[in-house]
Amino acid sequence: MPMNLSHRFNKSLRIALPLAGLLTAACTTTTTQSFNVGKNTSVEAAYIAADADFGKYDRLYASDMGIFFPSDAAPSVDDQKRTRQIFRDAFLGELKGYRIVRVKGPSALDVQATLIDYRNASGADVPGVRRELRDIARPGAIMFLMELKDSESGRILARAADSASAPAFSTSADTVTDWQAVETAAARWATLFRTFLDDNLNQ
C-alpha cells in the first residue's frame, strides 16, 4: 500500500527566495519562488515551496547522488564511487515504507541527495556544481543537501541542508579516507532525511 505524501506544513514563515540560491543570498536571480521556511526541524535549514502539492505523489524516484569536491583535492574515482554507494545504501535503507520506483512519472516525487565538500576549495571550484547550487557551494564548508522535486518537470518543491557531519576524505596519496566516519555521516544524514520527509510530508 503506497504511502500518501499529502502536505501539511503549519509551523512556517513565508518568504520569496531565488531558485538559484535557496540557502544564501544571491547577487543575481533567474527565477523567484515563494517558500515556507521550516522551524524546529532536525536539519539546519529547510524550505518547502508555498504552492507545492504533495498530494499528487504516492511514490519516490531516487536520483543518483550528486557529489562535488575541489578539482585539485578530490578523492580517487574509486573512493567517490564507494562514497556514493555508501550514501545510497544508507538512504534506501531509511526509505522503507515508501514506494520506490525506477521510472519518473506524474505521481513520482524525485528525491536526491548531494554532498558538497569544499573544505579545500577556492572560488574557482564553485562553477563546477550545477547552477542552482552555486550559491551554497561555499569554499571552506561541507554541506549535505536533500532535495524533493517533481520528477517530470524537475521543479524544486523542497530542500533541506545540514553540515554537522564532516568525514575525512582522501585528498592526496598521503591521506586515506576514514570509511567509518563516512558510514556514520551517511547514516546520520539518511536519518535526518527520513525525519524531514516524515515531519514535513505528514508521514
N, C-alpha and C. Protein backbone atom coordinates (compact mmCIF):
# COMPACT_ATOMS: atom_id res chain seq x y z
N MET A 1 0.86 -1.19 0.00
CA MET A 1 0.00 0.00 0.00
C MET A 1 0.90 1.23 0.00
N PRO A 2 0.95 2.02 -1.07
CA PRO A 2 1.84 3.18 -1.11
C PRO A 2 1.40 4.25 -0.13
N MET A 3 2.38 4.93 0.48
CA MET A 3 2.07 6.00 1.41
C MET A 3 1.60 7.24 0.66
N ASN A 4 0.70 7.98 1.26
CA ASN A 4 0.24 9.23 0.69
C ASN A 4 1.18 10.34 1.13
N LEU A 5 1.64 11.18 0.20
CA LEU A 5 2.56 12.25 0.53
C LEU A 5 1.83 13.59 0.65
N SER A 6 0.62 13.58 1.21
CA SER A 6 -0.13 14.83 1.36
C SER A 6 0.63 15.79 2.26
N HIS A 7 0.56 17.09 1.93
CA HIS A 7 1.43 18.10 2.55
C HIS A 7 0.72 18.86 3.66
N ARG A 8 1.36 18.86 4.86
CA ARG A 8 0.92 19.73 5.93
C ARG A 8 2.17 20.38 6.49
N PHE A 9 2.18 21.71 6.54
CA PHE A 9 3.38 22.42 6.97
C PHE A 9 2.91 23.66 7.69
N ASN A 10 2.51 23.51 8.95
CA ASN A 10 1.86 24.59 9.66
C ASN A 10 2.84 25.56 10.31
N LYS A 11 3.95 25.05 10.82
CA LYS A 11 4.91 25.91 11.52
C LYS A 11 5.91 26.43 10.50
N SER A 12 5.61 27.59 9.92
CA SER A 12 6.46 28.08 8.85
C SER A 12 6.39 29.59 8.74
N LEU A 13 7.39 30.14 8.04
CA LEU A 13 7.38 31.54 7.62
C LEU A 13 7.37 31.54 6.11
N ARG A 14 6.70 32.47 5.50
CA ARG A 14 6.65 32.51 4.04
C ARG A 14 7.57 33.62 3.54
N ILE A 15 8.49 33.27 2.66
CA ILE A 15 9.40 34.24 2.08
C ILE A 15 9.57 33.94 0.61
N ALA A 16 10.08 34.90 -0.11
CA ALA A 16 10.40 34.69 -1.53
C ALA A 16 11.89 34.50 -1.65
N LEU A 17 12.30 33.42 -2.29
CA LEU A 17 13.71 33.10 -2.43
C LEU A 17 14.03 32.83 -3.88
N PRO A 18 15.24 33.21 -4.33
CA PRO A 18 15.63 32.87 -5.70
C PRO A 18 15.88 31.39 -5.82
N LEU A 19 15.38 30.79 -6.88
CA LEU A 19 15.58 29.36 -7.10
C LEU A 19 17.05 29.01 -7.22
N ALA A 20 17.85 29.95 -7.69
CA ALA A 20 19.28 29.68 -7.88
C ALA A 20 20.07 29.80 -6.59
N GLY A 21 19.46 30.19 -5.47
CA GLY A 21 20.20 30.31 -4.22
C GLY A 21 19.27 30.23 -3.04
N LEU A 22 18.80 29.06 -2.66
CA LEU A 22 17.80 28.93 -1.63
C LEU A 22 18.36 29.06 -0.23
N LEU A 23 19.65 28.88 -0.04
CA LEU A 23 20.20 28.88 1.30
C LEU A 23 21.01 30.12 1.62
N THR A 24 21.47 30.85 0.61
CA THR A 24 22.19 32.08 0.86
C THR A 24 21.72 33.13 -0.14
N ALA A 25 21.97 34.37 0.18
CA ALA A 25 21.54 35.44 -0.72
C ALA A 25 22.35 35.39 -2.00
N ALA A 26 21.68 35.63 -3.12
CA ALA A 26 22.36 35.62 -4.41
C ALA A 26 22.45 37.03 -4.96
N CYS A 27 23.49 37.30 -5.73
CA CYS A 27 23.64 38.61 -6.34
C CYS A 27 22.69 38.77 -7.52
N THR A 28 22.49 37.69 -8.27
CA THR A 28 21.55 37.71 -9.37
C THR A 28 20.64 36.52 -9.25
N THR A 29 19.45 36.61 -9.81
CA THR A 29 18.50 35.51 -9.74
C THR A 29 17.97 35.20 -11.13
N THR A 30 17.45 33.99 -11.27
CA THR A 30 16.84 33.61 -12.53
C THR A 30 15.34 33.44 -12.38
N THR A 31 14.93 32.78 -11.32
CA THR A 31 13.51 32.55 -11.06
C THR A 31 13.25 32.77 -9.58
N THR A 32 12.14 33.43 -9.25
CA THR A 32 11.79 33.66 -7.85
C THR A 32 10.62 32.78 -7.48
N GLN A 33 10.76 32.10 -6.35
CA GLN A 33 9.72 31.22 -5.86
C GLN A 33 9.44 31.57 -4.41
N SER A 34 8.23 31.36 -3.96
CA SER A 34 7.88 31.58 -2.57
C SER A 34 8.00 30.27 -1.82
N PHE A 35 8.73 30.30 -0.71
CA PHE A 35 8.95 29.10 0.07
C PHE A 35 8.54 29.29 1.52
N ASN A 36 8.06 28.22 2.15
CA ASN A 36 7.84 28.19 3.58
C ASN A 36 9.14 27.73 4.23
N VAL A 37 9.58 28.47 5.24
CA VAL A 37 10.83 28.16 5.93
C VAL A 37 10.51 27.38 7.19
N GLY A 38 11.04 26.17 7.29
CA GLY A 38 10.73 25.31 8.41
C GLY A 38 11.36 25.79 9.70
N LYS A 39 10.63 25.64 10.80
CA LYS A 39 11.14 25.94 12.12
C LYS A 39 11.26 24.64 12.91
N ASN A 40 12.21 24.62 13.83
CA ASN A 40 12.37 23.48 14.74
C ASN A 40 12.51 22.17 13.98
N THR A 41 13.17 22.21 12.83
CA THR A 41 13.39 20.99 12.07
C THR A 41 14.66 20.31 12.54
N SER A 42 14.85 19.06 12.16
CA SER A 42 16.04 18.32 12.57
C SER A 42 17.27 18.72 11.80
N VAL A 43 17.08 19.42 10.67
CA VAL A 43 18.20 19.87 9.84
C VAL A 43 18.45 21.36 10.09
N GLU A 44 19.57 21.85 9.59
CA GLU A 44 19.93 23.24 9.83
C GLU A 44 19.02 24.22 9.08
N ALA A 45 18.61 23.85 7.88
CA ALA A 45 17.76 24.73 7.08
C ALA A 45 16.81 23.88 6.25
N ALA A 46 15.56 24.31 6.16
CA ALA A 46 14.58 23.57 5.37
C ALA A 46 13.60 24.54 4.73
N TYR A 47 13.28 24.29 3.47
CA TYR A 47 12.37 25.13 2.70
C TYR A 47 11.40 24.26 1.92
N ILE A 48 10.14 24.67 1.87
CA ILE A 48 9.14 23.97 1.07
C ILE A 48 8.40 25.01 0.24
N ALA A 49 8.27 24.76 -1.05
CA ALA A 49 7.59 25.70 -1.94
C ALA A 49 6.18 25.96 -1.44
N ALA A 50 5.79 27.24 -1.40
CA ALA A 50 4.50 27.62 -0.86
C ALA A 50 3.35 26.99 -1.63
N ASP A 51 3.54 26.77 -2.93
CA ASP A 51 2.46 26.21 -3.74
C ASP A 51 2.67 24.72 -4.04
N ALA A 52 3.56 24.08 -3.30
CA ALA A 52 3.81 22.65 -3.54
C ALA A 52 2.57 21.82 -3.20
N ASP A 53 2.25 20.89 -4.08
CA ASP A 53 1.11 19.99 -3.86
C ASP A 53 1.64 18.57 -3.79
N PHE A 54 1.90 18.08 -2.59
CA PHE A 54 2.44 16.75 -2.43
C PHE A 54 1.37 15.67 -2.49
N GLY A 55 0.10 16.09 -2.52
CA GLY A 55 -0.96 15.10 -2.56
C GLY A 55 -0.99 14.29 -3.84
N LYS A 56 -0.35 14.78 -4.90
CA LYS A 56 -0.36 14.07 -6.19
C LYS A 56 0.67 12.95 -6.24
N TYR A 57 1.57 12.87 -5.23
CA TYR A 57 2.65 11.88 -5.27
C TYR A 57 2.38 10.72 -4.33
N ASP A 58 2.57 9.50 -4.84
CA ASP A 58 2.40 8.32 -3.99
C ASP A 58 3.59 7.38 -4.09
N ARG A 59 4.69 7.86 -4.67
CA ARG A 59 5.90 7.04 -4.81
C ARG A 59 7.12 7.96 -4.91
N LEU A 60 8.29 7.40 -4.68
CA LEU A 60 9.53 8.16 -4.73
C LEU A 60 10.44 7.61 -5.81
N TYR A 61 11.04 8.52 -6.56
CA TYR A 61 12.07 8.17 -7.53
C TYR A 61 13.41 8.65 -6.96
N ALA A 62 14.32 7.72 -6.68
CA ALA A 62 15.59 8.06 -6.04
C ALA A 62 16.65 8.36 -7.09
N SER A 63 16.97 9.64 -7.27
CA SER A 63 18.00 10.03 -8.23
C SER A 63 19.38 9.65 -7.70
N ASP A 64 20.34 9.53 -8.62
CA ASP A 64 21.71 9.28 -8.21
C ASP A 64 22.21 10.44 -7.38
N MET A 65 23.06 10.13 -6.42
CA MET A 65 23.60 11.15 -5.54
C MET A 65 24.56 12.07 -6.28
N GLY A 66 24.44 13.36 -6.01
CA GLY A 66 25.41 14.31 -6.52
C GLY A 66 26.57 14.41 -5.54
N ILE A 67 27.78 14.55 -6.03
CA ILE A 67 28.94 14.64 -5.15
C ILE A 67 29.95 15.58 -5.78
N PHE A 68 30.40 16.56 -5.00
CA PHE A 68 31.30 17.59 -5.53
C PHE A 68 32.48 17.80 -4.59
N PHE A 69 33.68 17.77 -5.15
CA PHE A 69 34.92 18.04 -4.42
C PHE A 69 35.71 19.08 -5.22
N PRO A 70 36.68 19.75 -4.58
CA PRO A 70 37.55 20.65 -5.34
C PRO A 70 38.29 19.88 -6.42
N SER A 71 38.52 20.53 -7.55
CA SER A 71 39.15 19.85 -8.68
C SER A 71 40.54 19.34 -8.36
N ASP A 72 41.28 20.04 -7.48
CA ASP A 72 42.65 19.62 -7.18
C ASP A 72 42.78 18.94 -5.82
N ALA A 73 41.66 18.63 -5.18
CA ALA A 73 41.70 17.97 -3.87
C ALA A 73 40.55 16.98 -3.74
N ALA A 74 40.32 16.22 -4.79
CA ALA A 74 39.22 15.26 -4.81
C ALA A 74 39.72 13.86 -4.52
N PRO A 75 38.92 13.03 -3.86
CA PRO A 75 39.28 11.63 -3.68
C PRO A 75 39.37 10.93 -5.03
N SER A 76 39.94 9.75 -5.04
CA SER A 76 40.04 8.99 -6.27
C SER A 76 38.65 8.64 -6.79
N VAL A 77 38.58 8.28 -8.05
CA VAL A 77 37.31 7.87 -8.65
C VAL A 77 36.72 6.70 -7.89
N ASP A 78 37.54 5.74 -7.51
CA ASP A 78 37.06 4.58 -6.76
C ASP A 78 36.51 4.99 -5.40
N ASP A 79 37.19 5.92 -4.72
CA ASP A 79 36.70 6.39 -3.42
C ASP A 79 35.38 7.13 -3.56
N GLN A 80 35.24 7.90 -4.63
CA GLN A 80 33.98 8.61 -4.84
C GLN A 80 32.85 7.63 -5.14
N LYS A 81 33.12 6.61 -5.91
CA LYS A 81 32.10 5.59 -6.19
C LYS A 81 31.70 4.88 -4.92
N ARG A 82 32.69 4.56 -4.08
CA ARG A 82 32.38 3.88 -2.82
C ARG A 82 31.58 4.79 -1.91
N THR A 83 31.92 6.07 -1.85
CA THR A 83 31.18 7.04 -1.04
C THR A 83 29.74 7.14 -1.51
N ARG A 84 29.56 7.24 -2.81
CA ARG A 84 28.21 7.34 -3.37
C ARG A 84 27.38 6.10 -3.04
N GLN A 85 27.99 4.93 -3.10
CA GLN A 85 27.27 3.69 -2.79
C GLN A 85 26.90 3.61 -1.32
N ILE A 86 27.82 4.05 -0.44
CA ILE A 86 27.53 4.04 1.00
C ILE A 86 26.33 4.93 1.29
N PHE A 87 26.32 6.12 0.69
CA PHE A 87 25.20 7.04 0.93
C PHE A 87 23.90 6.49 0.34
N ARG A 88 23.97 5.92 -0.85
CA ARG A 88 22.76 5.40 -1.48
C ARG A 88 22.17 4.26 -0.65
N ASP A 89 23.04 3.35 -0.18
CA ASP A 89 22.56 2.24 0.65
C ASP A 89 21.91 2.75 1.93
N ALA A 90 22.55 3.77 2.54
CA ALA A 90 22.01 4.31 3.79
C ALA A 90 20.64 4.95 3.56
N PHE A 91 20.51 5.67 2.45
CA PHE A 91 19.25 6.36 2.18
C PHE A 91 18.14 5.39 1.80
N LEU A 92 18.44 4.45 0.96
CA LEU A 92 17.40 3.49 0.58
C LEU A 92 16.96 2.68 1.79
N GLY A 93 17.91 2.41 2.70
CA GLY A 93 17.55 1.69 3.92
C GLY A 93 16.60 2.48 4.80
N GLU A 94 16.73 3.81 4.78
CA GLU A 94 15.86 4.66 5.59
C GLU A 94 14.51 4.94 4.94
N LEU A 95 14.37 4.62 3.66
CA LEU A 95 13.12 4.93 2.95
C LEU A 95 12.13 3.77 2.95
N LYS A 96 12.36 2.78 3.80
CA LYS A 96 11.43 1.66 3.89
C LYS A 96 10.05 2.18 4.29
N GLY A 97 9.01 1.68 3.63
CA GLY A 97 7.66 2.16 3.87
C GLY A 97 7.19 3.09 2.77
N TYR A 98 8.15 3.70 2.08
CA TYR A 98 7.82 4.48 0.89
C TYR A 98 7.94 3.58 -0.34
N ARG A 99 7.14 3.83 -1.33
CA ARG A 99 7.22 3.06 -2.57
C ARG A 99 8.28 3.67 -3.47
N ILE A 100 9.35 2.94 -3.73
CA ILE A 100 10.46 3.40 -4.55
C ILE A 100 10.30 2.85 -5.96
N VAL A 101 10.39 3.73 -6.96
CA VAL A 101 10.23 3.30 -8.35
C VAL A 101 11.48 3.67 -9.14
N ARG A 102 11.65 3.04 -10.32
CA ARG A 102 12.80 3.28 -11.18
C ARG A 102 12.47 4.17 -12.38
N VAL A 103 11.20 4.54 -12.52
CA VAL A 103 10.76 5.35 -13.66
C VAL A 103 10.08 6.62 -13.16
N LYS A 104 10.45 7.74 -13.76
CA LYS A 104 9.81 9.00 -13.42
C LYS A 104 8.39 9.03 -13.96
N GLY A 105 7.52 9.81 -13.32
CA GLY A 105 6.14 9.90 -13.77
C GLY A 105 5.39 10.94 -12.98
N PRO A 106 4.13 11.21 -13.34
CA PRO A 106 3.35 12.28 -12.72
C PRO A 106 3.09 12.08 -11.23
N SER A 107 3.15 10.85 -10.74
CA SER A 107 2.91 10.62 -9.31
C SER A 107 4.18 10.24 -8.56
N ALA A 108 5.35 10.43 -9.21
CA ALA A 108 6.62 10.09 -8.58
C ALA A 108 7.34 11.36 -8.13
N LEU A 109 7.68 11.42 -6.87
CA LEU A 109 8.44 12.53 -6.31
C LEU A 109 9.92 12.19 -6.38
N ASP A 110 10.68 13.01 -7.06
CA ASP A 110 12.12 12.80 -7.23
C ASP A 110 12.84 13.24 -5.96
N VAL A 111 13.60 12.33 -5.35
CA VAL A 111 14.39 12.67 -4.17
C VAL A 111 15.87 12.54 -4.53
N GLN A 112 16.66 13.53 -4.16
CA GLN A 112 18.07 13.50 -4.49
C GLN A 112 18.91 14.03 -3.33
N ALA A 113 19.99 13.32 -3.06
CA ALA A 113 20.96 13.76 -2.06
C ALA A 113 22.19 14.30 -2.78
N THR A 114 22.80 15.33 -2.22
CA THR A 114 24.00 15.91 -2.80
C THR A 114 24.99 16.24 -1.69
N LEU A 115 26.23 15.83 -1.87
CA LEU A 115 27.29 16.14 -0.92
C LEU A 115 28.25 17.12 -1.59
N ILE A 116 28.45 18.27 -0.98
CA ILE A 116 29.39 19.27 -1.49
C ILE A 116 30.47 19.46 -0.43
N ASP A 117 31.65 18.91 -0.68
CA ASP A 117 32.76 19.04 0.26
C ASP A 117 33.77 20.01 -0.33
N TYR A 118 33.61 21.27 0.04
CA TYR A 118 34.50 22.32 -0.48
C TYR A 118 35.38 22.88 0.64
N ARG A 119 35.74 22.01 1.60
CA ARG A 119 36.61 22.45 2.68
C ARG A 119 37.99 22.87 2.17
N ASN A 120 38.42 22.29 1.05
CA ASN A 120 39.71 22.64 0.47
C ASN A 120 39.55 23.32 -0.89
N ALA A 121 38.44 24.00 -1.07
CA ALA A 121 38.14 24.59 -2.38
C ALA A 121 38.48 26.08 -2.43
N SER A 122 38.54 26.58 -3.64
CA SER A 122 38.67 28.02 -3.89
C SER A 122 37.45 28.46 -4.67
N GLY A 123 37.32 29.75 -4.87
CA GLY A 123 36.17 30.26 -5.62
C GLY A 123 36.09 29.72 -7.03
N ALA A 124 37.23 29.32 -7.59
CA ALA A 124 37.26 28.80 -8.96
C ALA A 124 36.55 27.46 -9.07
N ASP A 125 36.37 26.75 -7.95
CA ASP A 125 35.72 25.45 -7.99
C ASP A 125 34.20 25.55 -8.05
N VAL A 126 33.65 26.68 -7.60
CA VAL A 126 32.20 26.81 -7.48
C VAL A 126 31.46 26.60 -8.80
N PRO A 127 31.93 27.11 -9.94
CA PRO A 127 31.21 26.87 -11.20
C PRO A 127 31.10 25.40 -11.58
N GLY A 128 31.82 24.52 -10.90
CA GLY A 128 31.76 23.10 -11.22
C GLY A 128 30.47 22.42 -10.79
N VAL A 129 29.72 23.02 -9.87
CA VAL A 129 28.46 22.44 -9.43
C VAL A 129 27.34 22.96 -10.31
N ARG A 130 26.18 22.29 -10.28
CA ARG A 130 25.08 22.76 -11.11
C ARG A 130 24.62 24.15 -10.66
N ARG A 131 24.07 24.90 -11.57
CA ARG A 131 23.84 26.32 -11.39
C ARG A 131 23.09 26.66 -10.11
N GLU A 132 22.01 25.92 -9.81
CA GLU A 132 21.18 26.28 -8.67
C GLU A 132 21.85 26.00 -7.33
N LEU A 133 23.01 25.33 -7.34
CA LEU A 133 23.73 25.04 -6.09
C LEU A 133 24.94 25.93 -5.88
N ARG A 134 25.24 26.79 -6.84
CA ARG A 134 26.49 27.56 -6.75
C ARG A 134 26.52 28.51 -5.57
N ASP A 135 25.38 29.02 -5.16
CA ASP A 135 25.37 29.96 -4.06
C ASP A 135 25.55 29.30 -2.69
N ILE A 136 25.43 27.98 -2.63
CA ILE A 136 25.66 27.31 -1.35
C ILE A 136 26.94 26.50 -1.36
N ALA A 137 27.63 26.47 -2.49
CA ALA A 137 28.91 25.76 -2.58
C ALA A 137 30.01 26.70 -2.10
N ARG A 138 30.05 26.94 -0.81
CA ARG A 138 30.97 27.91 -0.25
C ARG A 138 32.33 27.29 0.01
N PRO A 139 33.39 27.89 -0.51
CA PRO A 139 34.73 27.38 -0.19
C PRO A 139 34.95 27.35 1.32
N GLY A 140 35.53 26.25 1.81
CA GLY A 140 35.79 26.10 3.23
C GLY A 140 34.71 25.36 3.98
N ALA A 141 33.60 25.00 3.32
CA ALA A 141 32.47 24.37 4.00
C ALA A 141 32.15 23.01 3.41
N ILE A 142 31.50 22.17 4.21
CA ILE A 142 30.94 20.91 3.73
C ILE A 142 29.44 20.98 3.95
N MET A 143 28.68 20.60 2.94
CA MET A 143 27.23 20.72 3.01
C MET A 143 26.58 19.46 2.45
N PHE A 144 25.60 18.96 3.18
CA PHE A 144 24.79 17.86 2.69
C PHE A 144 23.41 18.41 2.36
N LEU A 145 22.94 18.14 1.16
CA LEU A 145 21.71 18.72 0.66
C LEU A 145 20.72 17.62 0.31
N MET A 146 19.46 17.85 0.65
CA MET A 146 18.38 16.93 0.32
C MET A 146 17.33 17.70 -0.46
N GLU A 147 16.97 17.21 -1.64
CA GLU A 147 16.01 17.91 -2.48
C GLU A 147 14.85 17.00 -2.87
N LEU A 148 13.67 17.59 -2.91
CA LEU A 148 12.46 16.92 -3.41
C LEU A 148 12.00 17.70 -4.63
N LYS A 149 11.85 17.01 -5.75
CA LYS A 149 11.49 17.67 -7.00
C LYS A 149 10.38 16.91 -7.71
N ASP A 150 9.62 17.62 -8.52
CA ASP A 150 8.69 16.95 -9.41
C ASP A 150 9.53 16.17 -10.41
N SER A 151 9.29 14.88 -10.53
CA SER A 151 10.17 14.04 -11.34
C SER A 151 10.06 14.31 -12.83
N GLU A 152 8.96 14.92 -13.26
CA GLU A 152 8.80 15.21 -14.69
C GLU A 152 9.35 16.59 -15.07
N SER A 153 9.04 17.61 -14.28
CA SER A 153 9.46 18.97 -14.62
C SER A 153 10.81 19.32 -14.01
N GLY A 154 11.20 18.63 -12.94
CA GLY A 154 12.43 18.96 -12.25
C GLY A 154 12.29 20.14 -11.31
N ARG A 155 11.09 20.67 -11.15
CA ARG A 155 10.86 21.83 -10.28
C ARG A 155 11.11 21.45 -8.83
N ILE A 156 11.87 22.30 -8.12
CA ILE A 156 12.18 22.04 -6.72
C ILE A 156 10.96 22.34 -5.86
N LEU A 157 10.55 21.35 -5.08
CA LEU A 157 9.41 21.50 -4.19
C LEU A 157 9.85 21.66 -2.74
N ALA A 158 10.99 21.10 -2.41
CA ALA A 158 11.50 21.22 -1.04
C ALA A 158 13.00 21.00 -1.04
N ARG A 159 13.67 21.63 -0.08
CA ARG A 159 15.12 21.49 0.03
C ARG A 159 15.51 21.63 1.49
N ALA A 160 16.40 20.76 1.94
CA ALA A 160 16.90 20.84 3.31
C ALA A 160 18.41 20.67 3.27
N ALA A 161 19.10 21.32 4.22
CA ALA A 161 20.56 21.27 4.24
C ALA A 161 21.07 21.08 5.65
N ASP A 162 22.21 20.42 5.75
CA ASP A 162 22.83 20.17 7.05
C ASP A 162 24.34 20.06 6.84
N SER A 163 25.11 20.52 7.82
CA SER A 163 26.56 20.48 7.68
C SER A 163 27.27 20.00 8.93
N ALA A 164 26.55 19.34 9.83
CA ALA A 164 27.13 18.97 11.11
C ALA A 164 28.19 17.88 10.98
N SER A 165 27.98 16.91 10.11
CA SER A 165 28.93 15.80 9.97
C SER A 165 30.02 16.18 8.97
N ALA A 166 31.25 15.82 9.28
CA ALA A 166 32.37 16.18 8.40
C ALA A 166 33.39 15.04 8.33
N PRO A 167 33.08 13.98 7.59
CA PRO A 167 34.02 12.86 7.47
C PRO A 167 35.28 13.26 6.71
N ALA A 168 36.37 12.57 7.00
CA ALA A 168 37.64 12.86 6.34
C ALA A 168 37.78 12.02 5.08
N PHE A 169 38.00 12.70 3.94
CA PHE A 169 38.20 12.02 2.67
C PHE A 169 39.67 12.11 2.27
N SER A 170 40.10 11.12 1.51
CA SER A 170 41.46 11.13 1.00
C SER A 170 41.57 12.16 -0.12
N THR A 171 42.45 13.14 0.08
CA THR A 171 42.64 14.17 -0.94
C THR A 171 44.04 14.14 -1.55
N SER A 172 44.86 13.18 -1.12
CA SER A 172 46.21 13.02 -1.67
C SER A 172 46.69 11.61 -1.37
N ALA A 173 47.82 11.25 -1.95
CA ALA A 173 48.37 9.91 -1.72
C ALA A 173 48.83 9.72 -0.27
N ASP A 174 48.97 10.82 0.45
CA ASP A 174 49.44 10.75 1.84
C ASP A 174 48.32 10.60 2.84
N THR A 175 47.07 10.66 2.40
CA THR A 175 45.94 10.54 3.32
C THR A 175 45.01 9.43 2.86
N VAL A 176 44.24 8.92 3.79
CA VAL A 176 43.27 7.87 3.47
C VAL A 176 41.89 8.31 3.93
N THR A 177 40.88 7.82 3.26
CA THR A 177 39.50 8.13 3.63
C THR A 177 39.12 7.37 4.89
N ASP A 178 38.49 8.06 5.82
CA ASP A 178 38.01 7.44 7.05
C ASP A 178 36.63 6.85 6.76
N TRP A 179 36.61 5.59 6.32
CA TRP A 179 35.36 4.99 5.87
C TRP A 179 34.36 4.82 6.99
N GLN A 180 34.83 4.60 8.20
CA GLN A 180 33.89 4.50 9.33
C GLN A 180 33.17 5.83 9.53
N ALA A 181 33.91 6.94 9.40
CA ALA A 181 33.30 8.26 9.54
C ALA A 181 32.33 8.54 8.39
N VAL A 182 32.68 8.07 7.18
CA VAL A 182 31.78 8.24 6.04
C VAL A 182 30.48 7.50 6.28
N GLU A 183 30.57 6.26 6.76
CA GLU A 183 29.37 5.46 7.02
C GLU A 183 28.53 6.09 8.13
N THR A 184 29.20 6.62 9.16
CA THR A 184 28.48 7.28 10.25
C THR A 184 27.76 8.52 9.76
N ALA A 185 28.45 9.32 8.93
CA ALA A 185 27.82 10.52 8.38
C ALA A 185 26.66 10.17 7.47
N ALA A 186 26.83 9.14 6.64
CA ALA A 186 25.75 8.72 5.74
C ALA A 186 24.54 8.27 6.53
N ALA A 187 24.77 7.50 7.60
CA ALA A 187 23.65 7.02 8.43
C ALA A 187 22.94 8.18 9.11
N ARG A 188 23.72 9.14 9.59
CA ARG A 188 23.11 10.30 10.26
C ARG A 188 22.29 11.12 9.29
N TRP A 189 22.85 11.42 8.14
CA TRP A 189 22.13 12.24 7.17
C TRP A 189 20.93 11.51 6.59
N ALA A 190 21.04 10.20 6.44
CA ALA A 190 19.89 9.42 5.95
C ALA A 190 18.75 9.48 6.96
N THR A 191 19.08 9.40 8.24
CA THR A 191 18.06 9.50 9.28
C THR A 191 17.41 10.88 9.29
N LEU A 192 18.24 11.92 9.12
CA LEU A 192 17.70 13.28 9.05
C LEU A 192 16.76 13.44 7.86
N PHE A 193 17.13 12.84 6.73
CA PHE A 193 16.30 12.93 5.54
C PHE A 193 14.96 12.24 5.76
N ARG A 194 14.99 11.07 6.37
CA ARG A 194 13.74 10.36 6.64
C ARG A 194 12.86 11.18 7.58
N THR A 195 13.48 11.77 8.61
CA THR A 195 12.72 12.61 9.53
C THR A 195 12.14 13.82 8.82
N PHE A 196 12.93 14.41 7.91
CA PHE A 196 12.46 15.55 7.13
C PHE A 196 11.25 15.16 6.29
N LEU A 197 11.31 14.00 5.65
CA LEU A 197 10.18 13.53 4.86
C LEU A 197 8.95 13.30 5.74
N ASP A 198 9.16 12.58 6.84
CA ASP A 198 8.03 12.22 7.70
C ASP A 198 7.39 13.43 8.35
N ASP A 199 8.22 14.36 8.86
CA ASP A 199 7.69 15.52 9.57
C ASP A 199 7.00 16.50 8.63
N ASN A 200 7.64 16.78 7.49
CA ASN A 200 7.14 17.83 6.62
C ASN A 200 6.18 17.34 5.53
N LEU A 201 6.19 16.04 5.27
CA LEU A 201 5.26 15.50 4.28
C LEU A 201 4.17 14.66 4.95
N ASN A 202 4.08 14.80 6.28
CA ASN A 202 2.97 14.21 7.03
C ASN A 202 2.91 12.69 6.95
N GLN A 203 4.06 12.02 7.11
CA GLN A 203 4.04 10.56 7.15
C GLN A 203 3.92 10.08 8.57
